[in-house]
Amino acid sequence: MHIYPDARSVVRDLQPDEPVILNRPHAAARAARFFVEKFPGKSLYAVKANPSPELLRILWDNGISHYDVASIAEVRLARATLPQATLCFMHPVKTPRAIREAYHTHGVRTFSLDTIDELEKIVDACRDDAGEPAQDLRLLVRLRVSSEYSELSLASKFGVDLADAAELLSATRQHGDWLGICFHVGSQAMSPFAYVTALDRVRAAIAEAGVVIDMIDVGGGFPSIYPGMEPPPLEDYFAIIARHFEALPIAYNAELWCEPGRALCAEYSSMIVRVEKRRGEELYINDGAYGALYDAAHVDWRFPVQALEDDLRDPDADFAFYGPTCDDADFMQGPFPLPSDIQAGDYIEIGMLGAYGTAMKTGFNGFGDAEQVLVADDPMLSLYDGSRVREVTDNVVSLR
């Protein structure tokens, strides 16, 4: 497949009328190797962040062997793409049919839960033909933790409260060959201390339940870098997680897992859009809230942007975007800094869309088509290019 040097070369060659997704396999490979080599445990890719089969194969080829699947459709996709991968069904609310198919057809053995009802559902769905319970279940109780350090909360929908965790852990221990605790600190955690407070809650749950724990899964939340959101180096997160994991009252051979989604795939993709109209400081572009820019519209996420025309020379001004649909909600306030002389017909690259960008495109209003091409340059921003290193003398992140 042809690989373009960069976004500008794509524009020169294609002059596209529709958005173009630019994929960077080397960026995803670099992120995968970073987690495999530096996280002090096992890394599961959260497929929901970007379920592209091509991306799944890149991650597999670079050492990611376990995959967090959150629906039976993701189970089927991941199994068809990676027959040898270990799949973990980590959505705490599943249908009996989905559990049954995942276990009996696709070889899934790891399931998460946050209620007694879900535990009973899993146990019943995984029985053999004679009605005997499965002996090889690996069950994770999801604990509710705070999202105070994260840009997007995941604290309200799933997770057993600490007050009820001991009873659920004790019950689950009776059915699982292997018992773990998992949690999610929220998306884009901007401080490593998000994991400290969560692991403190894990410690309290274990102490009250008095059960043997075989695995701790610290979930996702590992950040990427965006305008206005520059997190500490990921090594800081890994170090503080390792220190607090080692101090937990768990089995001597207990495993440590994590579930990066955004951190593994955000740098994989960017997108070229065209300006169709300018109205003051508002640019009408050909992708938006119902396309890859859902987060920019609905949670005011700021993505890096750059103009792709060589003749734009004026200083930057702050712009807002309107997408192509007829809906007023198809609006992204930004601000997105671009040359102040940008006009209709000009092209823009929008970066860091590999996570929850291309995966969320819809066909609403007849829009949504986007060609995908490969490019060889580096992402517009990166946590993996060697620049995010804390000075040894900087003790902001304590490992106490």
Protein backbone atom coordinates (compact mmCIF):
# COMPACT_ATOMS: atom_id res chain seq x y z
CA MET A 1 0.00 0.00 0.00
CA HIS A 2 1.26 3.48 -0.89
CA ILE A 3 2.56 5.50 2.07
CA TYR A 4 2.47 9.30 1.84
CA PRO A 5 5.17 11.37 3.52
CA ASP A 6 2.65 13.63 5.31
CA ALA A 7 -0.74 15.35 5.14
CA ARG A 8 0.38 18.00 2.66
CA SER A 9 1.41 15.35 0.15
CA VAL A 10 -2.03 13.73 0.50
CA VAL A 11 -3.73 17.04 -0.28
CA ARG A 12 -1.51 17.66 -3.30
CA ASP A 13 -2.20 14.21 -4.69
CA LEU A 14 -5.90 13.76 -3.94
CA GLN A 15 -7.43 17.25 -3.57
CA PRO A 16 -10.15 15.41 -1.63
CA ASP A 17 -13.79 16.48 -1.46
CA GLU A 18 -14.41 14.25 1.57
CA PRO A 19 -12.42 13.94 4.80
CA VAL A 20 -9.36 11.70 4.69
CA ILE A 21 -8.19 9.65 7.67
CA LEU A 22 -4.41 9.49 7.98
CA ASN A 23 -3.18 6.36 9.77
CA ARG A 24 0.30 6.00 11.28
CA PRO A 25 1.05 2.33 12.01
CA HIS A 26 4.49 3.24 13.32
CA ALA A 27 2.93 5.46 16.01
CA ALA A 28 0.63 2.71 17.29
CA ALA A 29 3.51 0.23 17.22
CA ARG A 30 5.66 2.61 19.27
CA ALA A 31 2.92 3.08 21.87
CA ALA A 32 2.39 -0.68 22.14
CA ARG A 33 6.08 -1.37 22.66
CA PHE A 34 6.20 1.37 25.30
CA PHE A 35 3.50 -0.31 27.40
CA VAL A 36 4.84 -3.81 26.84
CA GLU A 37 8.34 -2.80 27.90
CA LYS A 38 7.62 -0.30 30.68
CA PHE A 39 4.32 -1.09 32.37
CA PRO A 40 5.13 -3.45 35.32
CA GLY A 41 2.46 -5.97 34.39
CA LYS A 42 0.18 -6.98 31.53
CA SER A 43 -1.44 -4.46 29.18
CA LEU A 44 -4.88 -5.14 27.64
CA TYR A 45 -5.95 -2.96 24.72
CA ALA A 46 -9.45 -1.49 25.23
CA VAL A 47 -10.94 -2.28 21.82
CA LYS A 48 -13.75 0.25 22.13
CA ALA A 49 -11.27 3.11 21.73
CA ASN A 50 -10.63 2.08 18.12
CA PRO A 51 -11.75 -1.35 16.84
CA SER A 52 -9.93 -1.16 13.50
CA PRO A 53 -8.74 -4.68 12.55
CA GLU A 54 -5.59 -3.16 11.08
CA LEU A 55 -4.85 -1.46 14.40
CA LEU A 56 -5.54 -4.64 16.36
CA ARG A 57 -3.01 -6.50 14.23
CA ILE A 58 -0.40 -3.76 14.71
CA LEU A 59 -0.80 -3.93 18.48
CA TRP A 60 -0.61 -7.74 18.41
CA ASP A 61 2.55 -7.66 16.29
CA ASN A 62 4.13 -5.35 18.85
CA GLY A 63 3.43 -7.41 21.94
CA ILE A 64 -0.16 -6.69 23.03
CA SER A 65 -1.62 -10.17 23.56
CA HIS A 66 -4.71 -9.38 25.71
CA TYR A 67 -7.76 -7.37 24.63
CA ASP A 68 -10.53 -5.75 26.66
CA VAL A 69 -13.77 -6.36 24.75
CA ALA A 70 -16.97 -4.68 25.92
CA SER A 71 -19.65 -6.24 23.70
CA ILE A 72 -20.27 -9.51 21.89
CA ALA A 73 -19.67 -7.67 18.61
CA GLU A 74 -16.20 -6.70 19.86
CA VAL A 75 -15.62 -10.29 20.97
CA ARG A 76 -16.44 -11.55 17.48
CA LEU A 77 -14.32 -8.89 15.78
CA ALA A 78 -11.29 -9.42 17.99
CA ARG A 79 -11.49 -13.21 17.75
CA ALA A 80 -11.84 -13.14 13.95
CA THR A 81 -8.90 -10.72 13.68
CA LEU A 82 -6.63 -12.29 16.29
CA PRO A 83 -7.40 -16.00 16.74
CA GLN A 84 -4.68 -16.48 19.38
CA ALA A 85 -5.40 -13.39 21.49
CA THR A 86 -6.70 -13.54 25.05
CA LEU A 87 -10.07 -11.78 25.20
CA CYS A 88 -11.49 -10.38 28.43
CA PHE A 89 -15.18 -9.41 28.55
CA MET A 90 -14.91 -6.35 30.76
CA HIS A 91 -18.37 -4.78 30.50
CA PRO A 92 -20.05 -5.31 33.90
CA VAL A 93 -23.56 -5.70 32.40
CA LYS A 94 -23.88 -8.42 29.75
CA THR A 95 -26.73 -10.46 28.32
CA PRO A 96 -26.79 -14.19 29.12
CA ARG A 97 -26.61 -14.96 25.40
CA ALA A 98 -23.53 -12.78 24.98
CA ILE A 99 -21.79 -14.44 27.93
CA ARG A 100 -22.69 -17.89 26.64
CA GLU A 101 -21.37 -17.21 23.15
CA ALA A 102 -18.21 -15.55 24.47
CA TYR A 103 -17.41 -18.52 26.73
CA HIS A 104 -18.48 -21.49 24.62
CA THR A 105 -17.73 -20.21 21.11
CA HIS A 106 -14.90 -17.72 21.46
CA GLY A 107 -12.96 -19.10 24.42
CA VAL A 108 -13.44 -16.11 26.72
CA ARG A 109 -12.71 -17.01 30.33
CA THR A 110 -12.29 -13.60 31.96
CA PHE A 111 -15.39 -11.58 32.87
CA SER A 112 -16.01 -8.52 35.02
CA LEU A 113 -19.04 -7.89 37.24
CA ASP A 114 -20.25 -5.47 39.87
CA THR A 115 -23.37 -7.17 41.30
CA ILE A 116 -24.47 -10.55 42.63
CA ASP A 117 -27.01 -10.69 39.78
CA GLU A 118 -24.24 -10.43 37.19
CA LEU A 119 -22.21 -13.09 39.00
CA GLU A 120 -25.14 -15.50 38.91
CA LYS A 121 -25.72 -14.70 35.24
CA ILE A 122 -22.11 -15.51 34.35
CA VAL A 123 -22.05 -18.73 36.35
CA ASP A 124 -25.29 -19.94 34.79
CA ALA A 125 -24.35 -19.01 31.20
CA CYS A 126 -20.99 -20.80 31.38
CA ARG A 127 -22.30 -24.21 32.53
CA ASP A 128 -21.41 -27.22 30.41
CA ASP A 129 -23.88 -29.42 28.54
CA ALA A 130 -24.49 -31.49 31.67
CA GLY A 131 -25.33 -28.38 33.65
CA GLU A 132 -22.12 -28.44 35.66
CA PRO A 133 -20.56 -25.06 36.55
CA ALA A 134 -17.40 -23.98 34.76
CA GLN A 135 -14.17 -24.61 36.64
CA ASP A 136 -11.98 -22.16 34.71
CA LEU A 137 -13.69 -18.79 35.17
CA ARG A 138 -11.49 -15.79 35.86
CA LEU A 139 -13.72 -13.20 37.51
CA LEU A 140 -13.03 -9.57 38.26
CA VAL A 141 -15.12 -7.49 40.65
CA ARG A 142 -15.28 -3.89 39.47
CA LEU A 143 -14.93 -1.41 42.32
CA ARG A 144 -16.27 2.12 42.06
CA VAL A 145 -13.52 4.71 42.48
CA SER A 146 -13.20 8.46 42.09
CA SER A 147 -12.69 10.22 38.75
CA GLU A 148 -11.55 13.47 40.36
CA TYR A 149 -8.21 13.52 38.55
CA SER A 150 -9.64 12.73 35.10
CA GLU A 151 -11.03 14.88 32.33
CA LEU A 152 -13.97 12.52 31.68
CA SER A 153 -15.67 10.80 34.60
CA LEU A 154 -16.45 7.09 34.65
CA ALA A 155 -17.47 7.01 38.31
CA SER A 156 -21.26 6.92 38.15
CA LYS A 157 -22.30 4.09 35.84
CA PHE A 158 -20.35 1.00 36.94
CA GLY A 159 -18.67 -0.37 40.04
CA VAL A 160 -19.69 -1.80 43.40
CA ASP A 161 -19.55 0.64 46.30
CA LEU A 162 -16.86 -0.01 48.87
CA ALA A 163 -19.50 -0.69 51.50
CA ASP A 164 -20.84 -3.62 49.45
CA ALA A 165 -17.57 -4.87 47.99
CA ALA A 166 -16.67 -7.41 50.68
CA GLU A 167 -19.87 -9.40 50.24
CA LEU A 168 -19.50 -9.47 46.45
CA LEU A 169 -15.82 -10.44 46.62
CA SER A 170 -16.59 -13.30 49.00
CA ALA A 171 -19.39 -14.60 46.78
CA THR A 172 -17.31 -14.32 43.62
CA ARG A 173 -14.39 -16.16 45.23
CA GLN A 174 -16.66 -19.22 45.50
CA HIS A 175 -17.18 -19.41 41.73
CA GLY A 176 -13.95 -18.23 40.17
CA ASP A 177 -10.79 -20.22 39.65
CA TRP A 178 -9.11 -16.84 39.79
CA LEU A 179 -10.34 -13.63 41.45
CA GLY A 180 -9.37 -10.10 40.59
CA ILE A 181 -10.38 -6.54 41.38
CA CYS A 182 -10.66 -3.95 38.64
CA PHE A 183 -11.56 -0.27 38.51
CA HIS A 184 -11.47 2.70 36.15
CA VAL A 185 -10.27 6.13 37.30
CA GLY A 186 -11.89 7.91 34.33
CA SER A 187 -10.64 8.89 30.91
CA GLN A 188 -7.56 11.09 30.49
CA ALA A 189 -6.28 10.97 34.07
CA MET A 190 -4.03 13.98 34.42
CA SER A 191 -2.26 12.90 37.60
CA PRO A 192 -0.73 9.58 38.70
CA PHE A 193 -2.42 10.11 42.07
CA ALA A 194 -5.67 8.97 40.47
CA TYR A 195 -4.34 5.43 40.86
CA VAL A 196 -3.12 5.99 44.42
CA THR A 197 -6.58 6.86 45.71
CA ALA A 198 -8.12 3.97 43.76
CA LEU A 199 -5.60 1.44 45.07
CA ASP A 200 -6.19 2.69 48.61
CA ARG A 201 -9.85 1.80 48.12
CA VAL A 202 -8.83 -1.61 46.76
CA ARG A 203 -6.77 -2.19 49.92
CA ALA A 204 -9.78 -1.43 52.11
CA ALA A 205 -12.02 -3.78 50.12
CA ILE A 206 -9.53 -6.66 50.36
CA ALA A 207 -9.02 -6.15 54.08
CA GLU A 208 -12.74 -6.27 54.80
CA ALA A 209 -13.44 -9.26 52.52
CA GLY A 210 -10.50 -11.35 53.73
CA VAL A 211 -10.22 -13.25 50.44
CA VAL A 212 -7.23 -14.20 48.30
CA ILE A 213 -6.83 -11.85 45.34
CA ASP A 214 -5.03 -13.16 42.27
CA MET A 215 -5.00 -10.03 40.13
CA ILE A 216 -5.37 -6.25 40.28
CA ASP A 217 -6.49 -4.48 37.11
CA VAL A 218 -5.97 -0.70 37.30
CA GLY A 219 -8.08 -0.20 34.18
CA GLY A 220 -7.63 2.59 31.69
CA GLY A 221 -7.35 6.33 32.12
CA PHE A 222 -3.77 6.60 30.90
CA PRO A 223 -3.65 9.95 29.12
CA SER A 224 -2.57 11.18 25.75
CA ILE A 225 -1.37 14.71 25.04
CA TYR A 226 -3.69 17.40 23.65
CA PRO A 227 -3.63 21.21 23.56
CA GLY A 228 -4.11 22.39 27.13
CA MET A 229 -3.72 18.85 28.49
CA GLU A 230 -0.08 17.95 28.97
CA PRO A 231 0.21 15.09 31.46
CA PRO A 232 3.33 13.96 33.32
CA PRO A 233 5.41 11.22 31.70
CA LEU A 234 3.65 7.85 31.70
CA GLU A 235 6.63 6.39 33.56
CA ASP A 236 5.43 8.37 36.58
CA TYR A 237 2.08 6.59 36.43
CA PHE A 238 3.72 3.19 36.08
CA ALA A 239 6.10 3.76 39.00
CA ILE A 240 3.47 4.90 41.45
CA ILE A 241 1.11 2.05 40.44
CA ALA A 242 3.87 -0.51 40.93
CA ARG A 243 4.77 0.81 44.39
CA HIS A 244 1.19 0.74 45.67
CA PHE A 245 0.43 -2.61 44.03
CA GLU A 246 3.38 -4.23 45.78
CA ALA A 247 2.06 -3.05 49.15
CA LEU A 248 -1.39 -4.65 48.76
CA PRO A 249 -2.40 -7.71 50.81
CA ILE A 250 -2.69 -10.04 47.81
CA ALA A 251 -1.36 -13.42 46.68
CA TYR A 252 2.43 -13.55 46.35
CA ASN A 253 2.09 -14.34 42.65
CA ALA A 254 -0.74 -11.91 41.94
CA GLU A 255 -0.75 -10.24 38.53
CA LEU A 256 -0.98 -6.55 37.70
CA TRP A 257 -3.01 -5.54 34.65
CA CYS A 258 -3.99 -2.32 32.94
CA GLU A 259 -6.40 -1.51 30.10
CA PRO A 260 -5.06 1.38 27.98
CA GLY A 261 -7.29 2.49 25.14
CA ARG A 262 -6.64 6.14 24.36
CA ALA A 263 -2.95 5.89 25.24
CA LEU A 264 -2.37 3.13 22.70
CA CYS A 265 -4.31 4.52 19.76
CA ALA A 266 -4.72 8.31 19.99
CA GLU A 267 -1.56 8.95 17.98
CA TYR A 268 -2.53 6.39 15.33
CA SER A 269 -4.80 8.68 13.30
CA SER A 270 -5.37 12.24 12.23
CA MET A 271 -7.79 13.65 9.66
CA ILE A 272 -7.75 16.07 6.74
CA VAL A 273 -10.83 18.28 6.42
CA ARG A 274 -11.66 21.02 3.96
CA VAL A 275 -13.07 24.45 4.77
CA GLU A 276 -16.31 24.85 2.82
CA LYS A 277 -17.24 28.31 4.12
CA ARG A 278 -15.91 30.99 6.42
CA ARG A 279 -18.19 33.23 8.49
CA GLY A 280 -16.08 35.54 10.61
CA GLU A 281 -14.20 33.35 13.05
CA GLU A 282 -16.32 30.29 12.24
CA LEU A 283 -15.18 27.70 9.71
CA TYR A 284 -17.63 25.29 8.09
CA ILE A 285 -15.74 22.03 7.56
CA ASN A 286 -16.71 18.66 6.07
CA ASP A 287 -16.55 16.59 9.29
CA GLY A 288 -17.92 17.25 12.73
CA ALA A 289 -19.97 16.16 15.72
CA TYR A 290 -21.51 13.20 13.90
CA GLY A 291 -18.17 12.22 12.45
CA ALA A 292 -14.74 11.93 14.03
CA LEU A 293 -15.12 15.13 16.07
CA TYR A 294 -17.76 13.94 18.54
CA ASP A 295 -15.58 14.82 21.53
CA ALA A 296 -14.76 18.26 20.19
CA ALA A 297 -18.49 19.01 20.01
CA HIS A 298 -19.89 17.29 23.06
CA VAL A 299 -17.16 17.60 25.69
CA ASP A 300 -15.28 20.60 24.24
CA TRP A 301 -12.17 18.50 23.56
CA ARG A 302 -9.41 20.47 21.91
CA PHE A 303 -7.47 18.67 19.20
CA PRO A 304 -4.27 19.97 17.59
CA VAL A 305 -4.78 21.54 14.18
CA GLN A 306 -2.58 22.80 11.37
CA ALA A 307 -3.36 24.48 8.06
CA LEU A 308 -2.03 22.61 5.04
CA GLU A 309 -1.78 25.50 2.56
CA ASP A 310 1.66 26.94 1.84
CA ASP A 311 0.35 30.44 1.05
CA LEU A 312 -1.24 31.17 4.46
CA ARG A 313 1.09 33.61 6.16
CA ASP A 314 -1.02 35.68 8.60
CA PRO A 315 -0.70 35.19 12.37
CA ASP A 316 -2.99 32.64 14.00
CA ALA A 317 -6.48 33.49 15.17
CA ASP A 318 -8.86 31.36 17.21
CA PHE A 319 -11.60 29.67 15.19
CA ALA A 320 -14.67 27.57 15.93
CA PHE A 321 -15.89 24.83 13.58
CA TYR A 322 -19.28 23.91 12.19
CA GLY A 323 -19.64 20.40 10.79
CA PRO A 324 -21.41 19.46 7.54
CA THR A 325 -24.82 18.35 8.84
CA CYS A 326 -27.97 20.47 9.13
CA ASP A 327 -27.89 20.28 12.92
CA ASP A 328 -26.96 23.33 15.02
CA ALA A 329 -25.41 20.90 17.53
CA ASP A 330 -22.79 20.10 14.88
CA PHE A 331 -20.59 22.78 16.40
CA MET A 332 -17.11 22.67 17.91
CA GLN A 333 -16.17 25.81 19.82
CA GLY A 334 -12.47 25.03 20.14
CA PRO A 335 -10.69 27.38 20.06
CA PHE A 336 -8.70 26.05 17.13
CA PRO A 337 -5.74 28.34 16.28
CA LEU A 338 -5.23 28.69 12.52
CA PRO A 339 -3.81 31.37 10.20
CA SER A 340 -6.21 34.30 10.16
CA ASP A 341 -6.27 34.39 6.34
CA ILE A 342 -7.65 30.85 5.99
CA GLN A 343 -10.57 30.65 3.55
CA ALA A 344 -13.01 28.28 1.87
CA GLY A 345 -11.19 25.62 -0.13
CA ASP A 346 -8.26 25.40 2.27
CA TYR A 347 -7.39 22.14 4.02
CA ILE A 348 -6.73 21.50 7.72
CA GLU A 349 -5.19 18.52 9.50
CA ILE A 350 -6.78 17.66 12.85
CA GLY A 351 -4.56 15.45 15.00
CA MET A 352 -4.88 12.83 17.76
CA LEU A 353 -8.11 11.28 16.46
CA GLY A 354 -7.08 7.65 16.75
CA ALA A 355 -9.01 7.28 20.01
CA TYR A 356 -12.79 7.73 20.01
CA GLY A 357 -12.55 9.66 16.75
CA THR A 358 -12.67 7.45 13.69
CA ALA A 359 -14.44 4.80 15.80
CA MET A 360 -17.45 7.09 16.36
CA LYS A 361 -18.11 8.31 12.82
CA THR A 362 -21.73 7.98 11.72
CA GLY A 363 -23.59 8.35 8.44
CA PHE A 364 -26.04 10.95 9.76
CA ASN A 365 -27.43 13.30 7.11
CA GLY A 366 -25.59 11.33 4.41
CA PHE A 367 -22.15 12.45 5.56
CA GLY A 368 -19.44 10.26 7.01
CA ASP A 369 -17.47 8.87 4.06
CA ALA A 370 -13.73 9.08 4.57
CA GLU A 371 -10.89 7.51 2.64
CA GLN A 372 -8.07 6.08 4.75
CA VAL A 373 -4.42 6.38 3.77
CA LEU A 374 -1.06 5.72 5.43
CA VAL A 375 1.40 8.49 6.23
CA ALA A 376 5.01 8.24 7.44
CA ASP A 377 5.46 11.39 9.54
CA ASP A 378 5.11 11.56 13.31
CA PRO A 379 1.85 12.52 15.04
CA MET A 380 1.27 16.20 15.72
CA LEU A 381 1.76 15.54 19.45
CA SER A 382 3.33 12.52 21.17
CA LEU A 383 4.02 11.01 24.57
CA TYR A 384 6.38 8.49 22.99
CA ASP A 385 8.94 10.60 21.15
CA GLY A 386 11.33 10.81 24.09
CA SER A 387 10.52 14.39 25.06
CA ARG A 388 8.26 13.65 28.05
CA VAL A 389 10.92 12.92 30.66
CA ARG A 390 10.90 14.29 34.20
CA GLU A 391 14.17 15.64 35.58
CA VAL A 392 15.67 13.46 38.32
CA THR A 393 15.67 16.45 40.68
CA ASP A 394 11.93 16.98 40.22
CA ASN A 395 10.17 15.17 43.06
CA VAL A 396 6.66 16.38 42.31
CA VAL A 397 5.48 12.78 41.96
CA SER A 398 6.14 11.03 45.26
CA LEU A 399 6.36 7.26 45.41
CA ARG A 400 5.48 7.13 49.10
